[in-house]
N, C-alpha and C. Protein backbone atom coordinates (compact mmCIF):
# COMPACT_ATOMS: atom_id res chain seq x y z
N MET A 1 12.14 1.87 -15.06
CA MET A 1 10.89 2.44 -14.58
C MET A 1 9.79 1.41 -14.60
N THR A 2 9.65 0.69 -15.69
CA THR A 2 8.59 -0.30 -15.81
C THR A 2 8.78 -1.44 -14.82
N GLU A 3 10.06 -1.85 -14.62
CA GLU A 3 10.33 -2.93 -13.68
C GLU A 3 9.94 -2.53 -12.26
N ASN A 4 10.23 -1.28 -11.88
CA ASN A 4 9.88 -0.81 -10.54
C ASN A 4 8.37 -0.76 -10.35
N LEU A 5 7.66 -0.34 -11.38
CA LEU A 5 6.20 -0.28 -11.30
C LEU A 5 5.61 -1.68 -11.17
N MET A 6 6.12 -2.61 -11.96
CA MET A 6 5.62 -3.99 -11.88
C MET A 6 5.93 -4.60 -10.52
N LEU A 7 7.10 -4.32 -9.98
CA LEU A 7 7.46 -4.82 -8.66
C LEU A 7 6.57 -4.23 -7.58
N ALA A 8 6.26 -2.95 -7.70
CA ALA A 8 5.40 -2.29 -6.72
C ALA A 8 3.98 -2.86 -6.75
N ILE A 9 3.46 -3.09 -7.95
CA ILE A 9 2.11 -3.65 -8.07
C ILE A 9 2.08 -5.07 -7.52
N ALA A 10 3.10 -5.86 -7.81
CA ALA A 10 3.17 -7.22 -7.28
C ALA A 10 3.28 -7.21 -5.76
N ALA A 11 4.09 -6.30 -5.22
CA ALA A 11 4.26 -6.21 -3.77
C ALA A 11 2.95 -5.83 -3.08
N ILE A 12 2.20 -4.92 -3.68
CA ILE A 12 0.91 -4.53 -3.10
C ILE A 12 -0.04 -5.72 -3.04
N GLY A 13 -0.08 -6.50 -4.11
CA GLY A 13 -0.94 -7.68 -4.13
C GLY A 13 -0.53 -8.73 -3.12
N ILE A 14 0.76 -8.99 -3.04
CA ILE A 14 1.26 -10.01 -2.10
C ILE A 14 1.05 -9.56 -0.65
N LEU A 15 1.40 -8.31 -0.36
CA LEU A 15 1.23 -7.81 1.01
C LEU A 15 -0.24 -7.72 1.39
N GLY A 16 -1.09 -7.37 0.43
CA GLY A 16 -2.53 -7.32 0.71
C GLY A 16 -3.10 -8.70 1.02
N SER A 17 -2.68 -9.70 0.25
CA SER A 17 -3.14 -11.07 0.51
C SER A 17 -2.65 -11.57 1.85
N LEU A 18 -1.39 -11.28 2.15
CA LEU A 18 -0.83 -11.68 3.44
C LEU A 18 -1.55 -11.00 4.60
N ALA A 19 -1.86 -9.72 4.43
CA ALA A 19 -2.57 -8.98 5.47
C ALA A 19 -3.97 -9.55 5.69
N GLN A 20 -4.66 -9.90 4.61
CA GLN A 20 -5.99 -10.49 4.75
C GLN A 20 -5.93 -11.82 5.49
N TRP A 21 -4.92 -12.60 5.19
CA TRP A 21 -4.78 -13.89 5.87
C TRP A 21 -4.51 -13.69 7.36
N VAL A 22 -3.66 -12.72 7.70
CA VAL A 22 -3.32 -12.46 9.10
C VAL A 22 -4.56 -12.03 9.89
N VAL A 23 -5.35 -11.12 9.34
CA VAL A 23 -6.54 -10.68 10.09
C VAL A 23 -7.59 -11.78 10.16
N TRP A 24 -7.66 -12.63 9.15
CA TRP A 24 -8.58 -13.76 9.22
C TRP A 24 -8.14 -14.72 10.32
N TRP A 25 -6.82 -14.96 10.40
CA TRP A 25 -6.26 -15.88 11.40
C TRP A 25 -6.44 -15.32 12.81
N LEU A 26 -6.30 -14.00 12.98
CA LEU A 26 -6.47 -13.37 14.28
C LEU A 26 -7.93 -13.06 14.60
N LYS A 27 -8.81 -13.28 13.65
CA LYS A 27 -10.25 -13.02 13.80
C LYS A 27 -10.53 -11.55 14.13
N LEU A 28 -9.88 -10.66 13.37
CA LEU A 28 -10.06 -9.22 13.53
C LEU A 28 -10.73 -8.66 12.28
N PRO A 29 -11.35 -7.50 12.40
CA PRO A 29 -11.88 -6.84 11.21
C PRO A 29 -10.73 -6.41 10.29
N SER A 30 -10.88 -6.65 9.01
CA SER A 30 -9.79 -6.37 8.08
C SER A 30 -9.50 -4.88 7.95
N ILE A 31 -10.45 -4.02 8.29
CA ILE A 31 -10.22 -2.59 8.17
C ILE A 31 -9.11 -2.12 9.13
N LEU A 32 -8.93 -2.82 10.24
CA LEU A 32 -7.89 -2.42 11.19
C LEU A 32 -6.49 -2.52 10.57
N LEU A 33 -6.22 -3.63 9.90
CA LEU A 33 -4.91 -3.78 9.28
C LEU A 33 -4.77 -2.87 8.07
N LEU A 34 -5.85 -2.63 7.36
CA LEU A 34 -5.81 -1.70 6.23
C LEU A 34 -5.45 -0.30 6.70
N LEU A 35 -6.09 0.17 7.76
CA LEU A 35 -5.77 1.49 8.30
C LEU A 35 -4.34 1.55 8.82
N LEU A 36 -3.90 0.51 9.49
CA LEU A 36 -2.53 0.47 9.98
C LEU A 36 -1.54 0.51 8.82
N GLY A 37 -1.84 -0.18 7.76
CA GLY A 37 -0.97 -0.17 6.58
C GLY A 37 -0.88 1.21 5.94
N VAL A 38 -1.97 1.92 5.89
CA VAL A 38 -1.97 3.27 5.32
C VAL A 38 -1.19 4.22 6.20
N VAL A 39 -1.42 4.14 7.50
CA VAL A 39 -0.74 5.04 8.43
C VAL A 39 0.77 4.80 8.43
N LEU A 40 1.19 3.55 8.39
CA LEU A 40 2.61 3.23 8.40
C LEU A 40 3.23 3.29 7.02
N GLY A 41 2.45 3.05 5.99
CA GLY A 41 2.98 2.99 4.64
C GLY A 41 3.39 4.33 4.06
N LYS A 42 2.67 5.36 4.37
CA LYS A 42 3.00 6.67 3.80
C LYS A 42 4.36 7.19 4.26
N PRO A 43 4.69 7.15 5.56
CA PRO A 43 6.01 7.63 5.95
C PRO A 43 7.15 6.74 5.43
N VAL A 44 6.90 5.45 5.35
CA VAL A 44 7.96 4.53 4.91
C VAL A 44 8.27 4.73 3.43
N THR A 45 7.22 4.86 2.61
CA THR A 45 7.43 4.99 1.17
C THR A 45 7.68 6.43 0.75
N GLY A 46 7.26 7.39 1.56
CA GLY A 46 7.41 8.79 1.18
C GLY A 46 6.41 9.22 0.13
N PHE A 47 5.41 8.40 -0.12
CA PHE A 47 4.41 8.69 -1.14
C PHE A 47 3.19 9.33 -0.49
N SER A 48 2.72 10.40 -1.08
CA SER A 48 1.50 11.02 -0.59
C SER A 48 0.64 11.42 -1.78
N GLU A 49 -0.61 11.68 -1.52
CA GLU A 49 -1.51 12.06 -2.60
C GLU A 49 -1.09 13.36 -3.26
N SER A 50 -0.59 14.30 -2.49
CA SER A 50 -0.19 15.58 -3.06
C SER A 50 1.00 15.40 -4.00
N THR A 51 1.91 14.50 -3.67
CA THR A 51 3.05 14.23 -4.55
C THR A 51 2.57 13.63 -5.85
N PHE A 52 1.61 12.70 -5.78
CA PHE A 52 1.09 12.07 -6.98
C PHE A 52 0.37 13.08 -7.86
N CYS A 53 -0.47 13.92 -7.27
CA CYS A 53 -1.21 14.90 -8.04
C CYS A 53 -0.26 15.90 -8.70
N TYR A 54 0.77 16.30 -7.99
CA TYR A 54 1.72 17.25 -8.52
C TYR A 54 2.48 16.65 -9.71
N SER A 55 2.87 15.38 -9.61
CA SER A 55 3.63 14.77 -10.69
C SER A 55 2.75 14.52 -11.91
N VAL A 56 1.46 14.27 -11.74
CA VAL A 56 0.57 14.04 -12.86
C VAL A 56 0.30 15.36 -13.59
N GLU A 57 0.16 16.45 -12.85
CA GLU A 57 -0.14 17.74 -13.47
C GLU A 57 1.04 18.27 -14.28
N ASN A 58 2.26 17.92 -13.92
CA ASN A 58 3.43 18.47 -14.58
C ASN A 58 3.98 17.59 -15.68
N ARG A 59 3.23 16.68 -16.21
CA ARG A 59 3.71 15.83 -17.31
C ARG A 59 3.52 16.50 -18.62
C-alpha cells in the first residue's frame, strides 16, 4: 500500500513537471493542459471525488 502511494505521488510530480515544460515549449496557457489532464485522468484511473469521500467516511 505504501509503495503504491509513494509511486502515485512521484508520478504526479513527474507528469506535472513534464506537462509544465510541454506547455511552456508550445507557448500555451498551462491551464489548458491541466484541464485536459483532469478530463482524461479520471476515466483512466477510475478515481473520482465521490469514491474518495466514501472511502474516507467508512474508515
